[in-house]
Amino acid sequence: MPPEELSAPRLSVRLSAGERFSPHLELIIAGELDSNTAVSLRECVAVLAARSTSRLLVLDLSGVTCCDSAGLSILLGIRETLALAGIKVMFGHASAAARTAADRVGLTGHLAMWGGS
């Protein structure tokens, strides 16, 4: 499998061809973002961010069907870690599942989610 993609039974990550923000790296996250898949997401994002020259990473969360506290924690960790490398992380098009999970624990503002599906 190309390093640009992660596909596990419950979570997939793929590069977007969209150019909403240029230049940027945009990843579309789909499936379950939970304690069983969060580490795989972190590893995939780390590899892709290290290979990119972009200073902006957009994580499109429109395909997230389930999200728990481990998933939210990984999203915050990705944003904080990449900020140390000078990469800004934005979370966009949050699915109802991602937005509900963030609302439930009071993290919507911290995740700076925009858009919605």
N, C-alpha and C. Protein backbone atom coordinates (compact mmCIF):
# COMPACT_ATOMS: atom_id res chain seq x y z
N MET A 1 0.84 -1.18 0.00
CA MET A 1 0.00 0.00 0.00
C MET A 1 0.89 1.24 0.00
N PRO A 2 0.57 2.25 -0.83
CA PRO A 2 1.37 3.46 -0.85
C PRO A 2 1.36 4.14 0.50
N PRO A 3 2.46 4.83 0.86
CA PRO A 3 2.51 5.50 2.15
C PRO A 3 1.53 6.66 2.24
N GLU A 4 0.94 7.07 1.11
CA GLU A 4 -0.01 8.18 1.11
C GLU A 4 -1.37 7.75 1.63
N GLU A 5 -1.53 6.45 1.88
CA GLU A 5 -2.82 5.97 2.31
C GLU A 5 -2.68 5.00 3.46
N LEU A 6 -3.68 4.99 4.29
CA LEU A 6 -3.79 4.01 5.37
C LEU A 6 -5.15 3.38 5.18
N SER A 7 -5.19 2.08 5.22
CA SER A 7 -6.49 1.43 5.14
C SER A 7 -6.47 0.26 6.10
N ALA A 8 -7.22 0.42 7.14
CA ALA A 8 -7.40 -0.64 8.12
C ALA A 8 -8.87 -1.02 8.03
N PRO A 9 -9.26 -2.13 8.62
CA PRO A 9 -10.66 -2.54 8.51
C PRO A 9 -11.65 -1.46 8.97
N ARG A 10 -11.22 -0.60 9.87
CA ARG A 10 -12.17 0.36 10.44
C ARG A 10 -11.82 1.82 10.21
N LEU A 11 -10.68 2.11 9.58
CA LEU A 11 -10.27 3.49 9.38
C LEU A 11 -9.49 3.61 8.08
N SER A 12 -9.73 4.67 7.34
CA SER A 12 -8.94 4.90 6.13
C SER A 12 -8.54 6.37 6.07
N VAL A 13 -7.38 6.61 5.49
CA VAL A 13 -6.85 7.95 5.29
C VAL A 13 -6.40 8.03 3.85
N ARG A 14 -6.81 9.09 3.15
CA ARG A 14 -6.33 9.27 1.79
C ARG A 14 -6.04 10.73 1.53
N LEU A 15 -5.11 10.96 0.62
CA LEU A 15 -4.78 12.32 0.22
C LEU A 15 -5.91 12.88 -0.61
N SER A 16 -6.18 14.15 -0.43
CA SER A 16 -7.20 14.82 -1.22
C SER A 16 -6.56 15.53 -2.39
N ALA A 17 -7.25 15.55 -3.50
CA ALA A 17 -6.77 16.29 -4.66
C ALA A 17 -7.28 17.73 -4.63
N GLY A 18 -8.09 18.06 -3.64
CA GLY A 18 -8.67 19.39 -3.54
C GLY A 18 -7.62 20.46 -3.23
N GLU A 19 -7.93 21.67 -3.60
CA GLU A 19 -7.01 22.79 -3.37
C GLU A 19 -7.72 23.93 -2.65
N ARG A 20 -8.45 23.61 -1.59
CA ARG A 20 -9.12 24.67 -0.84
C ARG A 20 -8.12 25.64 -0.24
N PHE A 21 -7.03 25.10 0.24
CA PHE A 21 -5.97 25.91 0.82
C PHE A 21 -4.71 25.53 0.06
N SER A 22 -3.99 26.50 -0.44
CA SER A 22 -2.82 26.15 -1.24
C SER A 22 -1.62 26.93 -0.73
N PRO A 23 -0.47 26.36 -0.64
CA PRO A 23 -0.22 24.91 -0.71
C PRO A 23 -0.53 24.27 0.64
N HIS A 24 -1.06 23.10 0.59
CA HIS A 24 -1.40 22.40 1.83
C HIS A 24 -1.43 20.91 1.57
N LEU A 25 -1.45 20.18 2.65
CA LEU A 25 -1.64 18.73 2.62
C LEU A 25 -3.01 18.48 3.22
N GLU A 26 -3.88 17.82 2.47
CA GLU A 26 -5.22 17.54 2.97
C GLU A 26 -5.44 16.04 2.99
N LEU A 27 -5.86 15.54 4.15
CA LEU A 27 -6.13 14.12 4.31
C LEU A 27 -7.60 13.94 4.66
N ILE A 28 -8.22 12.98 4.02
CA ILE A 28 -9.61 12.67 4.28
C ILE A 28 -9.66 11.42 5.17
N ILE A 29 -10.24 11.59 6.34
CA ILE A 29 -10.32 10.52 7.34
C ILE A 29 -11.72 9.90 7.26
N ALA A 30 -11.78 8.58 7.18
CA ALA A 30 -13.08 7.90 7.10
C ALA A 30 -13.07 6.66 7.99
N GLY A 31 -14.20 6.42 8.62
CA GLY A 31 -14.35 5.23 9.45
C GLY A 31 -14.35 5.57 10.93
N GLU A 32 -13.94 4.62 11.72
CA GLU A 32 -13.98 4.74 13.17
C GLU A 32 -12.66 5.29 13.70
N LEU A 33 -12.74 6.37 14.44
CA LEU A 33 -11.57 6.98 15.07
C LEU A 33 -11.69 6.73 16.57
N ASP A 34 -11.06 5.65 17.01
CA ASP A 34 -11.20 5.24 18.41
C ASP A 34 -9.89 4.66 18.92
N SER A 35 -9.94 4.06 20.08
CA SER A 35 -8.72 3.55 20.71
C SER A 35 -8.03 2.47 19.87
N ASN A 36 -8.76 1.80 19.01
CA ASN A 36 -8.17 0.76 18.18
C ASN A 36 -7.53 1.28 16.90
N THR A 37 -7.89 2.50 16.48
CA THR A 37 -7.39 3.02 15.21
C THR A 37 -6.57 4.30 15.35
N ALA A 38 -6.63 4.92 16.50
CA ALA A 38 -6.01 6.24 16.69
C ALA A 38 -4.50 6.22 16.46
N VAL A 39 -3.82 5.22 16.95
CA VAL A 39 -2.36 5.15 16.80
C VAL A 39 -1.98 5.02 15.33
N SER A 40 -2.74 4.24 14.57
CA SER A 40 -2.48 4.11 13.14
C SER A 40 -2.63 5.45 12.44
N LEU A 41 -3.64 6.22 12.83
CA LEU A 41 -3.83 7.55 12.24
C LEU A 41 -2.63 8.43 12.55
N ARG A 42 -2.21 8.44 13.80
CA ARG A 42 -1.06 9.27 14.19
C ARG A 42 0.17 8.90 13.38
N GLU A 43 0.44 7.62 13.23
CA GLU A 43 1.62 7.18 12.48
C GLU A 43 1.54 7.58 11.01
N CYS A 44 0.37 7.42 10.41
CA CYS A 44 0.18 7.78 9.01
C CYS A 44 0.38 9.28 8.81
N VAL A 45 -0.22 10.08 9.67
CA VAL A 45 -0.09 11.54 9.56
C VAL A 45 1.36 11.96 9.76
N ALA A 46 2.05 11.34 10.69
CA ALA A 46 3.45 11.68 10.93
C ALA A 46 4.30 11.42 9.70
N VAL A 47 4.10 10.29 9.04
CA VAL A 47 4.88 9.97 7.84
C VAL A 47 4.58 10.96 6.72
N LEU A 48 3.30 11.23 6.49
CA LEU A 48 2.93 12.14 5.41
C LEU A 48 3.39 13.56 5.67
N ALA A 49 3.26 14.02 6.91
CA ALA A 49 3.69 15.37 7.24
C ALA A 49 5.21 15.51 7.10
N ALA A 50 5.95 14.48 7.46
CA ALA A 50 7.41 14.52 7.35
C ALA A 50 7.85 14.61 5.89
N ARG A 51 7.08 14.03 4.99
CA ARG A 51 7.43 14.03 3.56
C ARG A 51 6.95 15.28 2.84
N SER A 52 6.09 16.05 3.48
CA SER A 52 5.48 17.21 2.83
C SER A 52 6.28 18.47 3.11
N THR A 53 6.23 19.41 2.19
CA THR A 53 6.84 20.72 2.41
C THR A 53 5.79 21.74 2.85
N SER A 54 4.55 21.31 2.94
CA SER A 54 3.46 22.20 3.31
C SER A 54 3.55 22.58 4.78
N ARG A 55 3.11 23.76 5.09
CA ARG A 55 3.06 24.25 6.46
C ARG A 55 1.62 24.23 6.98
N LEU A 56 0.71 23.65 6.19
CA LEU A 56 -0.69 23.54 6.59
C LEU A 56 -1.18 22.13 6.30
N LEU A 57 -1.73 21.48 7.33
CA LEU A 57 -2.34 20.16 7.19
C LEU A 57 -3.82 20.30 7.50
N VAL A 58 -4.66 19.89 6.57
CA VAL A 58 -6.11 19.90 6.77
C VAL A 58 -6.56 18.46 6.91
N LEU A 59 -7.17 18.14 8.04
CA LEU A 59 -7.75 16.82 8.25
C LEU A 59 -9.26 16.94 8.05
N ASP A 60 -9.74 16.35 6.97
CA ASP A 60 -11.16 16.36 6.65
C ASP A 60 -11.80 15.20 7.41
N LEU A 61 -12.66 15.53 8.35
CA LEU A 61 -13.28 14.53 9.23
C LEU A 61 -14.68 14.13 8.78
N SER A 62 -15.05 14.44 7.55
CA SER A 62 -16.41 14.20 7.08
C SER A 62 -16.79 12.73 7.05
N GLY A 63 -15.80 11.84 6.94
CA GLY A 63 -16.10 10.42 6.86
C GLY A 63 -16.00 9.67 8.17
N VAL A 64 -15.77 10.39 9.26
CA VAL A 64 -15.66 9.73 10.57
C VAL A 64 -17.05 9.27 11.02
N THR A 65 -17.18 7.97 11.25
CA THR A 65 -18.48 7.40 11.63
C THR A 65 -18.62 7.17 13.13
N CYS A 66 -17.49 7.14 13.83
CA CYS A 66 -17.47 6.91 15.27
C CYS A 66 -16.21 7.58 15.81
N CYS A 67 -16.33 8.22 16.96
CA CYS A 67 -15.16 8.89 17.55
C CYS A 67 -15.29 8.82 19.06
N ASP A 68 -14.21 8.39 19.72
CA ASP A 68 -14.21 8.34 21.18
C ASP A 68 -13.12 9.25 21.72
N SER A 69 -12.91 9.20 23.02
CA SER A 69 -11.92 10.09 23.65
C SER A 69 -10.51 9.83 23.16
N ALA A 70 -10.18 8.60 22.84
CA ALA A 70 -8.84 8.30 22.29
C ALA A 70 -8.68 8.95 20.92
N GLY A 71 -9.71 8.93 20.12
CA GLY A 71 -9.66 9.58 18.81
C GLY A 71 -9.48 11.08 18.94
N LEU A 72 -10.23 11.69 19.86
CA LEU A 72 -10.08 13.13 20.09
C LEU A 72 -8.68 13.45 20.61
N SER A 73 -8.18 12.63 21.50
CA SER A 73 -6.85 12.84 22.06
C SER A 73 -5.78 12.80 20.96
N ILE A 74 -5.91 11.86 20.04
CA ILE A 74 -4.94 11.77 18.94
C ILE A 74 -5.02 13.01 18.06
N LEU A 75 -6.23 13.49 17.78
CA LEU A 75 -6.35 14.70 16.97
C LEU A 75 -5.66 15.89 17.63
N LEU A 76 -5.87 16.05 18.93
CA LEU A 76 -5.21 17.14 19.65
C LEU A 76 -3.70 16.94 19.67
N GLY A 77 -3.27 15.70 19.87
CA GLY A 77 -1.84 15.41 19.88
C GLY A 77 -1.18 15.68 18.54
N ILE A 78 -1.86 15.34 17.45
CA ILE A 78 -1.34 15.63 16.11
C ILE A 78 -1.16 17.13 15.95
N ARG A 79 -2.19 17.89 16.34
CA ARG A 79 -2.10 19.36 16.20
C ARG A 79 -0.95 19.93 17.03
N GLU A 80 -0.81 19.49 18.26
CA GLU A 80 0.23 20.03 19.14
C GLU A 80 1.63 19.63 18.68
N THR A 81 1.79 18.38 18.26
CA THR A 81 3.10 17.90 17.83
C THR A 81 3.54 18.58 16.54
N LEU A 82 2.65 18.68 15.57
CA LEU A 82 3.02 19.30 14.30
C LEU A 82 3.25 20.80 14.44
N ALA A 83 2.59 21.43 15.41
CA ALA A 83 2.84 22.85 15.66
C ALA A 83 4.31 23.09 16.04
N LEU A 84 4.90 22.13 16.74
CA LEU A 84 6.31 22.25 17.11
C LEU A 84 7.22 22.23 15.88
N ALA A 85 6.73 21.62 14.80
CA ALA A 85 7.49 21.56 13.55
C ALA A 85 7.09 22.69 12.60
N GLY A 86 6.27 23.61 13.08
CA GLY A 86 5.85 24.73 12.26
C GLY A 86 4.72 24.42 11.29
N ILE A 87 3.99 23.36 11.54
CA ILE A 87 2.87 22.97 10.68
C ILE A 87 1.56 23.24 11.41
N LYS A 88 0.72 24.06 10.80
CA LYS A 88 -0.60 24.34 11.35
C LYS A 88 -1.55 23.23 10.94
N VAL A 89 -2.38 22.78 11.87
CA VAL A 89 -3.35 21.72 11.60
C VAL A 89 -4.76 22.29 11.76
N MET A 90 -5.58 22.06 10.74
CA MET A 90 -6.99 22.46 10.78
C MET A 90 -7.84 21.20 10.62
N PHE A 91 -8.97 21.18 11.32
CA PHE A 91 -9.90 20.07 11.23
C PHE A 91 -11.15 20.58 10.52
N GLY A 92 -11.50 19.95 9.42
CA GLY A 92 -12.63 20.46 8.65
C GLY A 92 -13.69 19.44 8.38
N HIS A 93 -14.85 19.95 8.04
CA HIS A 93 -15.99 19.14 7.64
C HIS A 93 -16.26 18.01 8.63
N ALA A 94 -16.29 18.36 9.89
CA ALA A 94 -16.50 17.35 10.93
C ALA A 94 -17.84 16.66 10.75
N SER A 95 -17.81 15.35 10.77
CA SER A 95 -19.04 14.56 10.70
C SER A 95 -19.83 14.77 12.00
N ALA A 96 -21.07 14.33 11.97
CA ALA A 96 -21.89 14.42 13.18
C ALA A 96 -21.25 13.65 14.33
N ALA A 97 -20.64 12.49 14.02
CA ALA A 97 -20.00 11.68 15.07
C ALA A 97 -18.81 12.41 15.69
N ALA A 98 -17.99 13.05 14.87
CA ALA A 98 -16.82 13.77 15.39
C ALA A 98 -17.25 15.00 16.19
N ARG A 99 -18.23 15.71 15.67
CA ARG A 99 -18.70 16.92 16.35
C ARG A 99 -19.39 16.57 17.67
N THR A 100 -20.18 15.51 17.70
CA THR A 100 -20.86 15.08 18.93
C THR A 100 -19.84 14.67 19.98
N ALA A 101 -18.82 13.92 19.58
CA ALA A 101 -17.78 13.50 20.53
C ALA A 101 -17.06 14.70 21.12
N ALA A 102 -16.73 15.67 20.27
CA ALA A 102 -16.03 16.87 20.74
C ALA A 102 -16.94 17.70 21.66
N ASP A 103 -18.20 17.84 21.28
CA ASP A 103 -19.16 18.59 22.11
C ASP A 103 -19.33 17.93 23.48
N ARG A 104 -19.41 16.60 23.47
CA ARG A 104 -19.66 15.84 24.70
C ARG A 104 -18.60 16.12 25.76
N VAL A 105 -17.36 16.31 25.34
CA VAL A 105 -16.28 16.53 26.31
C VAL A 105 -15.78 17.98 26.32
N GLY A 106 -16.49 18.86 25.62
CA GLY A 106 -16.15 20.28 25.64
C GLY A 106 -14.90 20.64 24.85
N LEU A 107 -14.61 19.91 23.79
CA LEU A 107 -13.39 20.16 23.01
C LEU A 107 -13.63 20.79 21.65
N THR A 108 -14.86 21.12 21.33
CA THR A 108 -15.15 21.67 20.00
C THR A 108 -14.28 22.90 19.72
N GLY A 109 -14.17 23.80 20.66
CA GLY A 109 -13.35 25.00 20.49
C GLY A 109 -11.87 24.68 20.36
N HIS A 110 -11.40 23.69 21.10
CA HIS A 110 -9.99 23.32 21.05
C HIS A 110 -9.61 22.64 19.73
N LEU A 111 -10.57 21.96 19.14
CA LEU A 111 -10.30 21.31 17.87
C LEU A 111 -10.48 22.26 16.69
N ALA A 112 -11.09 23.42 16.92
CA ALA A 112 -11.30 24.41 15.87
C ALA A 112 -11.86 23.75 14.61
N MET A 113 -12.94 23.00 14.78
CA MET A 113 -13.57 22.34 13.65
C MET A 113 -14.40 23.35 12.87
N TRP A 114 -14.31 23.29 11.56
CA TRP A 114 -15.13 24.13 10.71
C TRP A 114 -15.85 23.25 9.72
N GLY A 115 -16.95 23.78 9.24
CA GLY A 115 -17.76 22.99 8.31
C GLY A 115 -18.46 21.89 9.04
N GLY A 116 -19.18 21.10 8.33
CA GLY A 116 -19.87 19.97 8.93
C GLY A 116 -20.60 19.21 7.86
N SER A 117 -20.84 17.97 8.15
CA SER A 117 -21.57 17.18 7.16
C SER A 117 -22.88 16.72 7.72
